[in-house]
N, C-alpha and C. Protein backbone atom coordinates (compact mmCIF):
# COMPACT_ATOMS: atom_id res chain seq x y z
N UNK A 1 0.83 -1.20 0.00
CA UNK A 1 0.00 0.00 0.00
C UNK A 1 0.86 1.24 0.00
N UNK A 2 1.84 1.21 0.75
CA UNK A 2 2.77 2.35 0.81
C UNK A 2 3.49 2.52 -0.51
N UNK A 3 3.78 1.42 -1.17
CA UNK A 3 4.49 1.50 -2.45
C UNK A 3 3.65 2.18 -3.51
N UNK A 4 2.35 1.91 -3.51
CA UNK A 4 1.46 2.53 -4.51
C UNK A 4 1.35 4.03 -4.28
N UNK A 5 1.25 4.42 -3.07
CA UNK A 5 1.16 5.85 -2.78
C UNK A 5 2.43 6.56 -3.19
N UNK A 6 3.53 5.88 -3.10
CA UNK A 6 4.80 6.50 -3.46
C UNK A 6 4.94 6.67 -4.97
N UNK A 7 4.38 5.77 -5.77
CA UNK A 7 4.51 5.82 -7.21
C UNK A 7 3.50 6.77 -7.88
N UNK A 8 2.43 7.15 -7.18
CA UNK A 8 1.38 8.00 -7.79
C UNK A 8 1.90 9.37 -8.25
N UNK A 9 2.61 10.11 -7.48
CA UNK A 9 3.15 11.40 -7.98
C UNK A 9 4.05 11.25 -9.17
N UNK A 10 4.80 10.12 -9.22
CA UNK A 10 5.71 9.90 -10.35
C UNK A 10 4.94 9.66 -11.63
N UNK A 11 3.86 8.94 -11.55
CA UNK A 11 3.03 8.68 -12.75
C UNK A 11 2.38 9.96 -13.25
N UNK A 12 1.92 10.75 -12.32
CA UNK A 12 1.30 12.03 -12.71
C UNK A 12 2.31 12.94 -13.38
N UNK A 13 3.53 12.97 -12.92
CA UNK A 13 4.56 13.83 -13.51
C UNK A 13 4.90 13.38 -14.90
N UNK A 14 4.98 12.03 -15.09
CA UNK A 14 5.31 11.53 -16.42
C UNK A 14 4.19 11.82 -17.40
N UNK A 15 2.94 11.70 -16.96
CA UNK A 15 1.79 11.98 -17.84
C UNK A 15 1.73 13.43 -18.24
N UNK A 16 2.05 14.32 -17.34
CA UNK A 16 2.02 15.75 -17.67
C UNK A 16 3.13 16.13 -18.62
N UNK A 17 4.27 15.45 -18.56
CA UNK A 17 5.37 15.78 -19.47
C UNK A 17 5.12 15.29 -20.88
N UNK A 18 4.27 14.29 -21.04
CA UNK A 18 4.00 13.77 -22.39
C UNK A 18 3.07 14.66 -23.20
N UNK A 19 2.32 15.63 -22.64
CA UNK A 19 1.40 16.53 -23.37
C UNK A 19 2.18 17.62 -24.09
N UNK A 20 1.86 17.94 -25.41
CA UNK A 20 2.59 19.00 -26.14
C UNK A 20 2.29 20.38 -25.59
N UNK A 21 3.23 21.31 -25.68
CA UNK A 21 2.99 22.66 -25.13
C UNK A 21 2.01 23.44 -26.01
N UNK A 22 1.21 24.27 -25.43
CA UNK A 22 0.23 25.10 -26.14
C UNK A 22 0.90 26.36 -26.70
N UNK A 23 0.53 26.79 -27.98
CA UNK A 23 1.13 28.04 -28.53
C UNK A 23 0.65 29.25 -27.78
N UNK A 24 1.48 30.26 -27.75
CA UNK A 24 1.07 31.46 -27.00
C UNK A 24 -0.05 32.20 -27.73
N UNK A 25 -0.88 32.78 -27.02
CA UNK A 25 -1.99 33.57 -27.59
C UNK A 25 -1.62 35.04 -27.60
N UNK A 26 -2.16 35.76 -28.62
CA UNK A 26 -1.90 37.20 -28.77
C UNK A 26 -3.12 37.96 -28.29
N UNK A 27 -2.89 38.90 -27.46
CA UNK A 27 -3.99 39.71 -26.93
C UNK A 27 -4.16 40.93 -27.86
N UNK A 28 -5.20 40.90 -28.70
CA UNK A 28 -5.45 42.00 -29.64
C UNK A 28 -5.72 43.31 -28.93
N UNK A 29 -6.21 43.23 -27.69
CA UNK A 29 -6.57 44.46 -26.98
C UNK A 29 -5.36 45.28 -26.60
N UNK A 30 -4.16 44.67 -26.59
CA UNK A 30 -2.94 45.40 -26.21
C UNK A 30 -2.22 45.98 -27.42
N UNK A 31 -2.66 45.65 -28.66
CA UNK A 31 -2.02 46.23 -29.85
C UNK A 31 -2.35 47.70 -29.98
N UNK A 32 -1.45 48.40 -30.67
CA UNK A 32 -1.74 49.79 -30.99
C UNK A 32 -2.83 49.83 -32.05
N UNK A 33 -3.68 50.84 -32.07
CA UNK A 33 -4.81 50.89 -33.03
C UNK A 33 -4.35 50.75 -34.47
N UNK A 34 -3.14 51.24 -34.81
CA UNK A 34 -2.69 51.19 -36.20
C UNK A 34 -2.37 49.78 -36.64
N UNK A 35 -2.12 48.91 -35.71
CA UNK A 35 -1.74 47.54 -36.06
C UNK A 35 -2.92 46.59 -36.07
N UNK A 36 -4.07 47.06 -35.63
CA UNK A 36 -5.25 46.20 -35.62
C UNK A 36 -5.66 45.94 -37.07
N UNK A 37 -6.13 44.75 -37.38
CA UNK A 37 -6.49 44.37 -38.76
C UNK A 37 -7.53 45.32 -39.36
N UNK A 38 -8.51 45.70 -38.56
CA UNK A 38 -9.53 46.63 -39.06
C UNK A 38 -8.96 47.99 -39.41
N UNK A 39 -7.99 48.44 -38.56
CA UNK A 39 -7.37 49.74 -38.84
C UNK A 39 -6.53 49.69 -40.10
N UNK A 40 -5.85 48.58 -40.35
CA UNK A 40 -5.05 48.43 -41.57
C UNK A 40 -5.94 48.47 -42.80
N UNK A 41 -7.07 47.77 -42.73
CA UNK A 41 -8.02 47.79 -43.86
C UNK A 41 -8.57 49.19 -44.08
N UNK A 42 -8.83 49.91 -42.97
CA UNK A 42 -9.35 51.27 -43.09
C UNK A 42 -8.35 52.19 -43.76
N UNK A 43 -7.08 52.05 -43.40
CA UNK A 43 -6.04 52.88 -44.02
C UNK A 43 -5.93 52.56 -45.51
N UNK A 44 -6.04 51.29 -45.85
CA UNK A 44 -5.98 50.92 -47.27
C UNK A 44 -7.15 51.51 -48.04
N UNK A 45 -8.32 51.46 -47.43
CA UNK A 45 -9.51 52.06 -48.08
C UNK A 45 -9.36 53.56 -48.24
N UNK A 46 -8.80 54.21 -47.19
CA UNK A 46 -8.60 55.66 -47.28
C UNK A 46 -7.62 56.00 -48.39
N UNK A 47 -6.57 55.20 -48.53
CA UNK A 47 -5.61 55.44 -49.61
C UNK A 47 -6.25 55.28 -50.98
N UNK A 48 -7.05 54.22 -51.13
CA UNK A 48 -7.75 54.03 -52.40
C UNK A 48 -8.72 55.17 -52.69
N UNK A 49 -9.41 55.63 -51.64
CA UNK A 49 -10.35 56.74 -51.81
C UNK A 49 -9.62 58.00 -52.24
N UNK A 50 -8.45 58.26 -51.64
CA UNK A 50 -7.69 59.44 -52.01
C UNK A 50 -7.22 59.36 -53.46
N UNK A 51 -6.76 58.16 -53.86
CA UNK A 51 -6.35 57.98 -55.26
C UNK A 51 -7.51 58.18 -56.21
N UNK A 52 -8.68 57.69 -55.81
CA UNK A 52 -9.88 57.86 -56.64
C UNK A 52 -10.24 59.33 -56.78
N UNK A 53 -10.13 60.06 -55.66
CA UNK A 53 -10.43 61.50 -55.71
C UNK A 53 -9.45 62.23 -56.62
N UNK A 54 -8.18 61.87 -56.54
CA UNK A 54 -7.17 62.51 -57.40
C UNK A 54 -7.46 62.21 -58.87
N UNK A 55 -7.77 60.94 -59.15
CA UNK A 55 -8.07 60.57 -60.53
C UNK A 55 -9.32 61.29 -61.03
N UNK A 56 -10.34 61.40 -60.16
CA UNK A 56 -11.56 62.10 -60.55
C UNK A 56 -11.29 63.57 -60.80
N UNK A 57 -10.45 64.17 -59.94
CA UNK A 57 -10.12 65.58 -60.12
C UNK A 57 -9.38 65.81 -61.44
N UNK A 58 -8.42 64.92 -61.75
CA UNK A 58 -7.69 65.04 -63.01
C UNK A 58 -8.61 64.84 -64.21
N UNK A 59 -9.52 63.88 -64.10
CA UNK A 59 -10.48 63.65 -65.19
C UNK A 59 -11.38 64.87 -65.37
N UNK A 60 -11.78 65.48 -64.24
CA UNK A 60 -12.63 66.67 -64.33
C UNK A 60 -11.90 67.83 -65.00
N UNK A 61 -10.62 68.02 -64.64
CA UNK A 61 -9.84 69.08 -65.27
C UNK A 61 -9.64 68.80 -66.75
N UNK A 62 -9.38 67.53 -67.08
CA UNK A 62 -9.21 67.18 -68.49
C UNK A 62 -10.50 67.41 -69.27
N UNK A 63 -11.63 67.05 -68.67
CA UNK A 63 -12.92 67.26 -69.34
C UNK A 63 -13.20 68.75 -69.52
N UNK A 64 -12.87 69.55 -68.51
CA UNK A 64 -13.09 70.99 -68.61
C UNK A 64 -12.18 71.60 -69.67
N UNK A 65 -10.94 71.13 -69.73
CA UNK A 65 -10.02 71.61 -70.76
C UNK A 65 -10.52 71.25 -72.15
N UNK A 66 -11.00 70.01 -72.29
CA UNK A 66 -11.54 69.59 -73.59
C UNK A 66 -12.77 70.41 -73.96
N UNK A 67 -13.58 70.72 -72.97
CA UNK A 67 -14.79 71.52 -73.22
C UNK A 67 -14.42 72.93 -73.69
N UNK A 68 -13.44 73.52 -73.01
CA UNK A 68 -13.00 74.87 -73.39
C UNK A 68 -12.39 74.85 -74.80
N UNK A 69 -11.60 73.81 -75.08
CA UNK A 69 -10.99 73.69 -76.41
C UNK A 69 -12.06 73.53 -77.48
N UNK A 70 -13.08 72.72 -77.19
CA UNK A 70 -14.17 72.52 -78.15
C UNK A 70 -14.92 73.82 -78.41
N UNK A 71 -15.16 74.59 -77.34
CA UNK A 71 -15.84 75.88 -77.51
C UNK A 71 -15.00 76.83 -78.34
N UNK A 72 -13.68 76.83 -78.09
CA UNK A 72 -12.80 77.72 -78.84
C UNK A 72 -12.79 77.35 -80.33
N UNK A 73 -12.73 76.05 -80.60
CA UNK A 73 -12.74 75.61 -82.00
C UNK A 73 -14.07 75.94 -82.67
N UNK A 74 -15.17 75.75 -81.92
CA UNK A 74 -16.48 76.07 -82.48
C UNK A 74 -16.59 77.56 -82.78
N UNK A 75 -16.05 78.38 -81.88
CA UNK A 75 -16.09 79.83 -82.11
C UNK A 75 -15.25 80.21 -83.33
N UNK A 76 -14.09 79.57 -83.47
CA UNK A 76 -13.24 79.86 -84.63
C UNK A 76 -13.94 79.43 -85.93
N UNK A 77 -14.55 78.26 -85.91
CA UNK A 77 -15.26 77.79 -87.10
C UNK A 77 -16.42 78.71 -87.44
N UNK A 78 -17.13 79.18 -86.40
CA UNK A 78 -18.24 80.10 -86.63
C UNK A 78 -17.75 81.41 -87.21
N UNK A 79 -16.60 81.89 -86.70
CA UNK A 79 -16.05 83.14 -87.23
C UNK A 79 -15.65 82.99 -88.69
N UNK A 80 -15.04 81.84 -89.01
CA UNK A 80 -14.65 81.60 -90.41
C UNK A 80 -15.89 81.52 -91.30
N UNK A 81 -16.91 80.81 -90.81
CA UNK A 81 -18.15 80.69 -91.60
C UNK A 81 -18.81 82.04 -91.79
N UNK A 82 -18.81 82.86 -90.73
CA UNK A 82 -19.41 84.19 -90.82
C UNK A 82 -18.66 85.07 -91.82
N UNK A 83 -17.32 85.00 -91.77
CA UNK A 83 -16.53 85.76 -92.73
C UNK A 83 -16.79 85.30 -94.16
N UNK A 84 -16.94 83.99 -94.33
CA UNK A 84 -17.23 83.47 -95.66
C UNK A 84 -18.58 83.95 -96.16
N UNK A 85 -19.57 83.94 -95.25
CA UNK A 85 -20.90 84.41 -95.64
C UNK A 85 -20.88 85.90 -95.96
N UNK A 86 -20.13 86.65 -95.16
CA UNK A 86 -20.04 88.09 -95.44
C UNK A 86 -19.36 88.34 -96.77
N UNK A 87 -18.31 87.56 -97.03
CA UNK A 87 -17.64 87.71 -98.33
C UNK A 87 -18.58 87.32 -99.46
N UNK A 88 -19.38 86.26 -99.23
CA UNK A 88 -20.34 85.85 -100.25
C UNK A 88 -21.41 86.92 -100.44
N UNK A 89 -21.83 87.55 -99.33
CA UNK A 89 -22.84 88.60 -99.43
C UNK A 89 -22.33 89.81 -100.21
N UNK A 90 -21.02 90.06 -100.17
CA UNK A 90 -20.48 91.22 -100.87
C UNK A 90 -20.28 90.98 -102.36
N UNK A 91 -20.39 89.73 -102.78
CA UNK A 91 -20.18 89.42 -104.19
C UNK A 91 -21.39 89.83 -105.01
N UNK A 92 -21.13 90.37 -106.19
CA UNK A 92 -22.21 90.71 -107.10
C UNK A 92 -22.66 89.46 -107.86
N UNK A 93 -23.92 89.44 -108.25
CA UNK A 93 -24.48 88.29 -108.95
C UNK A 93 -25.17 88.77 -110.22
N UNK A 94 -25.05 87.97 -111.27
CA UNK A 94 -25.70 88.27 -112.54
C UNK A 94 -26.62 87.10 -112.90
N UNK A 95 -27.91 87.41 -113.03
CA UNK A 95 -28.89 86.42 -113.48
C UNK A 95 -29.25 86.72 -114.93
N UNK A 96 -29.51 85.65 -115.69
CA UNK A 96 -29.97 85.80 -117.07
C UNK A 96 -31.38 85.24 -117.17
N UNK A 97 -32.32 86.11 -117.53
CA UNK A 97 -33.71 85.69 -117.75
C UNK A 97 -33.90 85.52 -119.26
N UNK A 98 -34.23 84.30 -119.67
CA UNK A 98 -34.35 84.00 -121.10
C UNK A 98 -35.78 84.22 -121.59
N UNK A 99 -35.88 84.51 -122.90
CA UNK A 99 -37.19 84.81 -123.51
C UNK A 99 -37.35 83.98 -124.79
N UNK A 100 -38.59 83.75 -125.13
CA UNK A 100 -38.90 83.10 -126.40
C UNK A 100 -38.70 84.10 -127.54
N UNK A 101 -38.65 83.60 -128.77
CA UNK A 101 -38.40 84.46 -129.93
C UNK A 101 -39.48 85.54 -130.04
N UNK A 102 -39.03 86.80 -130.07
CA UNK A 102 -39.94 87.93 -130.21
C UNK A 102 -40.80 88.20 -129.00
N UNK A 103 -40.58 87.52 -127.88
CA UNK A 103 -41.45 87.64 -126.70
C UNK A 103 -40.85 88.58 -125.67
N UNK A 104 -41.73 89.23 -124.89
CA UNK A 104 -41.29 90.12 -123.81
C UNK A 104 -41.93 89.73 -122.47
N UNK A 105 -42.52 88.56 -122.40
CA UNK A 105 -43.17 88.12 -121.16
C UNK A 105 -42.16 87.40 -120.26
N UNK A 106 -42.19 87.75 -118.99
CA UNK A 106 -41.28 87.15 -118.01
C UNK A 106 -41.90 85.84 -117.52
N UNK A 107 -41.20 84.75 -117.75
CA UNK A 107 -41.66 83.43 -117.32
C UNK A 107 -40.53 82.78 -116.51
N UNK A 108 -40.75 82.67 -115.19
CA UNK A 108 -39.73 82.10 -114.31
C UNK A 108 -40.33 81.01 -113.42
N UNK A 109 -39.59 79.94 -113.17
CA UNK A 109 -40.04 78.96 -112.17
C UNK A 109 -40.17 79.63 -110.81
N UNK A 110 -41.10 79.16 -110.01
CA UNK A 110 -41.40 79.82 -108.74
C UNK A 110 -40.18 79.87 -107.82
N UNK A 111 -39.43 78.77 -107.75
CA UNK A 111 -38.28 78.74 -106.84
C UNK A 111 -37.21 79.73 -107.27
N UNK A 112 -36.92 79.79 -108.58
CA UNK A 112 -35.90 80.71 -109.07
C UNK A 112 -36.38 82.16 -108.96
N UNK A 113 -37.68 82.39 -109.20
CA UNK A 113 -38.21 83.75 -109.07
C UNK A 113 -38.10 84.24 -107.63
N UNK A 114 -38.39 83.35 -106.67
CA UNK A 114 -38.30 83.74 -105.26
C UNK A 114 -36.87 84.09 -104.87
N UNK A 115 -35.91 83.33 -105.36
CA UNK A 115 -34.51 83.63 -105.05
C UNK A 115 -34.08 84.95 -105.67
N UNK A 116 -34.47 85.18 -106.93
CA UNK A 116 -34.11 86.43 -107.59
C UNK A 116 -34.69 87.62 -106.86
N UNK A 117 -35.95 87.53 -106.50
CA UNK A 117 -36.61 88.65 -105.83
C UNK A 117 -35.98 88.91 -104.46
N UNK A 118 -35.69 87.86 -103.73
CA UNK A 118 -35.09 88.03 -102.40
C UNK A 118 -33.74 88.73 -102.50
N UNK A 119 -32.92 88.30 -103.43
CA UNK A 119 -31.60 88.93 -103.56
C UNK A 119 -31.72 90.34 -104.12
N UNK A 120 -32.67 90.58 -105.00
CA UNK A 120 -32.85 91.93 -105.55
C UNK A 120 -33.31 92.90 -104.47
N UNK A 121 -34.15 92.45 -103.58
CA UNK A 121 -34.59 93.31 -102.48
C UNK A 121 -33.43 93.72 -101.58
N UNK A 122 -32.47 92.81 -101.40
CA UNK A 122 -31.34 93.08 -100.51
C UNK A 122 -30.19 93.80 -101.21
N UNK A 123 -30.30 94.05 -102.49
CA UNK A 123 -29.21 94.67 -103.24
C UNK A 123 -29.31 96.19 -103.20
N UNK A 124 -28.15 96.82 -103.20
CA UNK A 124 -28.13 98.28 -103.21
C UNK A 124 -28.42 98.84 -104.59
N UNK A 125 -28.11 98.05 -105.63
CA UNK A 125 -28.34 98.51 -106.99
C UNK A 125 -28.67 97.31 -107.87
N UNK A 126 -29.68 97.48 -108.74
CA UNK A 126 -30.08 96.43 -109.69
C UNK A 126 -29.99 97.03 -111.10
N UNK A 127 -29.18 96.42 -111.95
CA UNK A 127 -29.01 96.91 -113.32
C UNK A 127 -29.58 95.87 -114.27
N UNK A 128 -30.48 96.30 -115.16
CA UNK A 128 -31.11 95.42 -116.15
C UNK A 128 -30.57 95.75 -117.53
N UNK A 129 -30.22 94.70 -118.29
CA UNK A 129 -29.70 94.90 -119.64
C UNK A 129 -30.49 94.01 -120.60
N UNK A 130 -31.39 94.64 -121.39
CA UNK A 130 -32.20 93.89 -122.34
C UNK A 130 -31.43 93.58 -123.62
N UNK A 131 -31.55 92.31 -124.12
CA UNK A 131 -30.82 91.88 -125.31
C UNK A 131 -31.74 91.08 -126.23
N UNK A 132 -31.35 90.99 -127.49
CA UNK A 132 -32.05 90.15 -128.47
C UNK A 132 -31.03 89.28 -129.20
N UNK A 133 -31.55 88.43 -130.08
CA UNK A 133 -30.66 87.61 -130.90
C UNK A 133 -30.58 88.16 -132.33
N UNK A 134 -30.95 89.43 -132.48
CA UNK A 134 -30.94 90.03 -133.81
C UNK A 134 -29.54 90.22 -134.35
N UNK A 135 -29.45 90.17 -135.66
CA UNK A 135 -28.16 90.37 -136.33
C UNK A 135 -28.10 91.73 -137.02
N UNK A 136 -29.24 92.38 -137.18
CA UNK A 136 -29.30 93.69 -137.82
C UNK A 136 -30.11 94.63 -136.94
N UNK A 137 -29.54 95.79 -136.67
CA UNK A 137 -30.25 96.73 -135.81
C UNK A 137 -31.44 97.30 -136.56
N UNK A 138 -32.58 97.32 -135.85
CA UNK A 138 -33.81 97.82 -136.44
C UNK A 138 -34.72 98.31 -135.32
N UNK A 139 -35.72 99.13 -135.65
CA UNK A 139 -36.66 99.57 -134.61
C UNK A 139 -37.35 98.41 -133.91
N UNK A 140 -37.63 97.33 -134.65
CA UNK A 140 -38.29 96.17 -134.04
C UNK A 140 -37.39 95.52 -133.00
N UNK A 141 -36.12 95.36 -133.33
CA UNK A 141 -35.19 94.77 -132.38
C UNK A 141 -35.02 95.65 -131.16
N UNK A 142 -34.94 96.96 -131.38
CA UNK A 142 -34.82 97.90 -130.26
C UNK A 142 -36.05 97.83 -129.36
N UNK A 143 -37.21 97.74 -129.98
CA UNK A 143 -38.46 97.68 -129.21
C UNK A 143 -38.51 96.41 -128.36
N UNK A 144 -38.07 95.28 -128.92
CA UNK A 144 -38.08 94.03 -128.16
C UNK A 144 -37.08 94.07 -127.01
N UNK A 145 -35.87 94.58 -127.29
CA UNK A 145 -34.85 94.66 -126.23
C UNK A 145 -35.32 95.55 -125.09
N UNK A 146 -35.90 96.69 -125.43
CA UNK A 146 -36.40 97.60 -124.38
C UNK A 146 -37.60 96.99 -123.68
N UNK A 147 -38.48 96.36 -124.43
CA UNK A 147 -39.66 95.75 -123.81
C UNK A 147 -39.28 94.67 -122.81
N UNK A 148 -38.25 93.90 -123.09
CA UNK A 148 -37.82 92.87 -122.15
C UNK A 148 -37.26 93.48 -120.87
N UNK A 149 -36.44 94.52 -121.00
CA UNK A 149 -35.91 95.18 -119.81
C UNK A 149 -37.03 95.80 -118.99
N UNK A 150 -37.99 96.46 -119.64
CA UNK A 150 -39.11 97.06 -118.93
C UNK A 150 -39.97 96.00 -118.24
N UNK A 151 -40.13 94.84 -118.90
CA UNK A 151 -40.95 93.78 -118.31
C UNK A 151 -40.31 93.23 -117.03
N UNK A 152 -39.00 93.06 -117.06
CA UNK A 152 -38.32 92.57 -115.86
C UNK A 152 -38.37 93.62 -114.76
N UNK A 153 -38.22 94.88 -115.12
CA UNK A 153 -38.31 95.96 -114.13
C UNK A 153 -39.68 95.95 -113.46
N UNK A 154 -40.74 95.87 -114.25
CA UNK A 154 -42.09 95.85 -113.69
C UNK A 154 -42.30 94.62 -112.80
N UNK A 155 -41.72 93.50 -113.21
CA UNK A 155 -41.84 92.26 -112.43
C UNK A 155 -41.19 92.44 -111.05
N UNK A 156 -40.00 93.02 -111.01
CA UNK A 156 -39.30 93.20 -109.75
C UNK A 156 -39.99 94.22 -108.86
N UNK A 157 -40.46 95.30 -109.45
CA UNK A 157 -41.15 96.33 -108.66
C UNK A 157 -42.42 95.75 -108.06
N UNK A 158 -43.17 95.00 -108.84
CA UNK A 158 -44.38 94.39 -108.32
C UNK A 158 -44.07 93.40 -107.19
N UNK A 159 -42.88 92.79 -107.22
CA UNK A 159 -42.49 91.85 -106.18
C UNK A 159 -41.93 92.53 -104.94
N UNK A 160 -41.81 93.85 -104.95
CA UNK A 160 -41.38 94.57 -103.76
C UNK A 160 -40.00 95.16 -103.82
N UNK A 161 -39.34 95.13 -104.96
CA UNK A 161 -38.02 95.74 -105.09
C UNK A 161 -38.18 97.25 -105.26
N UNK A 162 -37.35 98.00 -104.54
CA UNK A 162 -37.42 99.46 -104.60
C UNK A 162 -37.11 99.93 -106.02
N UNK A 163 -38.05 100.61 -106.70
CA UNK A 163 -37.78 101.06 -108.07
C UNK A 163 -36.66 102.07 -108.16
N UNK A 164 -36.38 102.79 -107.06
CA UNK A 164 -35.30 103.77 -107.08
C UNK A 164 -33.93 103.14 -107.18
N UNK A 165 -33.83 101.85 -106.96
CA UNK A 165 -32.54 101.18 -107.03
C UNK A 165 -32.39 100.36 -108.31
N UNK A 166 -33.31 100.52 -109.25
CA UNK A 166 -33.26 99.75 -110.49
C UNK A 166 -32.85 100.66 -111.64
N UNK A 167 -31.89 100.22 -112.42
CA UNK A 167 -31.48 100.92 -113.64
C UNK A 167 -31.66 99.96 -114.81
N UNK A 168 -32.32 100.42 -115.88
CA UNK A 168 -32.61 99.55 -117.03
C UNK A 168 -31.98 100.11 -118.29
N UNK A 169 -31.30 99.25 -119.03
CA UNK A 169 -30.73 99.61 -120.33
C UNK A 169 -31.08 98.51 -121.33
N UNK A 170 -30.86 98.76 -122.61
CA UNK A 170 -31.13 97.73 -123.62
C UNK A 170 -30.21 97.94 -124.81
N UNK A 171 -29.99 96.88 -125.53
CA UNK A 171 -29.12 96.89 -126.71
C UNK A 171 -29.67 95.86 -127.70
N UNK A 172 -30.11 96.28 -128.86
CA UNK A 172 -30.81 95.36 -129.78
C UNK A 172 -29.91 94.29 -130.37
N UNK A 173 -28.69 94.61 -130.73
CA UNK A 173 -27.81 93.62 -131.34
C UNK A 173 -26.43 93.69 -130.69
N UNK A 174 -25.64 92.66 -130.91
CA UNK A 174 -24.31 92.62 -130.31
C UNK A 174 -24.36 92.17 -128.86
N UNK A 175 -23.21 92.20 -128.21
CA UNK A 175 -23.08 91.77 -126.81
C UNK A 175 -23.74 90.41 -126.59
N UNK A 176 -23.39 89.46 -127.45
CA UNK A 176 -24.01 88.15 -127.37
C UNK A 176 -23.36 87.31 -126.28
N UNK A 177 -24.12 86.35 -125.74
CA UNK A 177 -23.61 85.46 -124.70
C UNK A 177 -23.17 84.13 -125.26
N UNK A 178 -23.64 83.78 -126.48
CA UNK A 178 -23.30 82.50 -127.10
C UNK A 178 -23.27 82.68 -128.61
N UNK A 179 -22.94 81.61 -129.30
CA UNK A 179 -22.86 81.63 -130.76
C UNK A 179 -24.23 81.94 -131.35
N UNK A 180 -24.36 83.07 -131.98
CA UNK A 180 -25.65 83.49 -132.51
C UNK A 180 -26.01 82.77 -133.81
N UNK A 181 -25.11 81.95 -134.32
CA UNK A 181 -25.38 81.22 -135.55
C UNK A 181 -26.13 79.91 -135.29
N UNK A 182 -26.23 79.48 -134.04
CA UNK A 182 -26.92 78.23 -133.70
C UNK A 182 -28.21 78.54 -132.94
N UNK A 183 -29.14 77.59 -133.01
CA UNK A 183 -30.42 77.78 -132.31
C UNK A 183 -30.21 77.87 -130.80
N UNK A 184 -29.35 76.99 -130.26
CA UNK A 184 -29.10 77.02 -128.82
C UNK A 184 -28.42 78.32 -128.40
N UNK A 185 -27.53 78.82 -129.24
CA UNK A 185 -26.87 80.09 -128.93
C UNK A 185 -27.82 81.26 -128.97
N UNK A 186 -28.69 81.29 -129.99
CA UNK A 186 -29.67 82.39 -130.08
C UNK A 186 -30.64 82.35 -128.89
N UNK A 187 -30.96 81.16 -128.44
CA UNK A 187 -31.84 81.04 -127.27
C UNK A 187 -31.21 81.71 -126.05
N UNK A 188 -29.90 81.57 -125.88
CA UNK A 188 -29.20 82.19 -124.75
C UNK A 188 -29.04 83.70 -124.94
N UNK A 189 -29.06 84.16 -126.17
CA UNK A 189 -28.88 85.59 -126.43
C UNK A 189 -30.18 86.38 -126.23
N UNK A 190 -31.32 85.72 -126.31
CA UNK A 190 -32.60 86.41 -126.07
C UNK A 190 -32.80 86.47 -124.55
N UNK A 191 -32.33 87.54 -123.96
CA UNK A 191 -32.24 87.56 -122.50
C UNK A 191 -32.30 88.97 -121.94
N UNK A 192 -32.48 89.01 -120.62
CA UNK A 192 -32.26 90.22 -119.83
C UNK A 192 -31.28 89.84 -118.72
N UNK A 193 -30.16 90.51 -118.68
CA UNK A 193 -29.19 90.27 -117.61
C UNK A 193 -29.56 91.14 -116.41
N UNK A 194 -29.70 90.50 -115.27
CA UNK A 194 -30.04 91.20 -114.02
C UNK A 194 -28.79 91.21 -113.15
N UNK A 195 -28.16 92.36 -113.04
CA UNK A 195 -26.93 92.50 -112.24
C UNK A 195 -27.30 93.04 -110.86
N UNK A 196 -26.95 92.27 -109.84
CA UNK A 196 -27.27 92.64 -108.45
C UNK A 196 -25.99 93.07 -107.75
N UNK A 197 -25.96 94.31 -107.31
CA UNK A 197 -24.82 94.87 -106.61
C UNK A 197 -25.11 94.89 -105.11
N UNK A 198 -24.34 94.15 -104.33
CA UNK A 198 -24.55 94.13 -102.87
C UNK A 198 -24.23 95.48 -102.25
N UNK A 199 -23.21 96.12 -102.77
CA UNK A 199 -22.82 97.45 -102.30
C UNK A 199 -22.93 98.41 -103.47
N UNK A 200 -23.52 99.55 -103.21
CA UNK A 200 -23.68 100.53 -104.28
C UNK A 200 -22.30 100.99 -104.77
N UNK A 201 -22.08 101.02 -106.07
CA UNK A 201 -20.77 101.44 -106.59
C UNK A 201 -20.51 102.92 -106.29
N UNK A 202 -19.27 103.24 -106.10
CA UNK A 202 -18.88 104.63 -105.86
C UNK A 202 -18.81 105.35 -107.21
N UNK A 203 -19.42 106.51 -107.25
CA UNK A 203 -19.44 107.30 -108.49
C UNK A 203 -18.30 108.31 -108.45
N UNK A 204 -17.44 108.24 -109.44
CA UNK A 204 -16.31 109.16 -109.53
C UNK A 204 -16.37 109.86 -110.88
N UNK A 205 -16.32 111.17 -110.87
CA UNK A 205 -16.38 111.94 -112.09
C UNK A 205 -14.97 112.25 -112.59
N UNK A 206 -14.77 112.05 -113.87
CA UNK A 206 -13.48 112.33 -114.47
C UNK A 206 -13.63 113.61 -115.30
N UNK A 207 -12.92 114.63 -114.87
CA UNK A 207 -13.00 115.94 -115.52
C UNK A 207 -11.91 116.03 -116.59
N UNK A 208 -12.26 116.32 -117.82
CA UNK A 208 -11.23 116.42 -118.88
C UNK A 208 -10.26 117.56 -118.60
N UNK A 209 -9.04 117.36 -119.01
CA UNK A 209 -8.03 118.38 -118.84
C UNK A 209 -8.28 119.51 -119.82
N UNK A 210 -8.40 120.72 -119.35
CA UNK A 210 -8.66 121.84 -120.29
C UNK A 210 -7.47 122.08 -121.22
N UNK A 211 -7.82 122.51 -122.40
CA UNK A 211 -6.77 122.81 -123.38
C UNK A 211 -5.99 124.03 -122.90
N UNK A 212 -4.72 123.93 -123.07
CA UNK A 212 -3.83 125.05 -122.68
C UNK A 212 -3.71 126.02 -123.82
């Protein structure tokens, strides 16, 4: 009995030595806040957010720069287009109204008549030149040439063109626009030329030098 009691502490000691040691535990509560896993994730998120803000700011500046550049280019294009239109407005235009043989009646398609009238209203000066396809000057040819110019003048005045800005002339023969020996050429020569001046021409008088 005594022997068993003596061996009991020895058995307990041997049993306790056979158990593996436990790993040490880390107390998260003693770490500094910056080392806590949640704090590390928060710092990473803050860094990503800052990078996103910088990228967004740069994108916004780039978009604003592109917008300003686009506006500048649009303004330049508009200025060029306006200058082109102004240059086009300053150009003089000559229309030819054709007539049938021996006729003095003005016959124009509606679309072309509307364009002619609109431009004539905006012109400072309108010059009409009546012509025929005659080859020999005669009272009949003169009457037709003048009648055509007068007919166009009346047509424009009735359409609202200021009569004070219209000048009419006529010439019975010569000043042909095409070969007067062909039917197609004579058709083009039976005409009234309507010259539209955007700006009134400057009148300059030339005084002859007196004899010494």
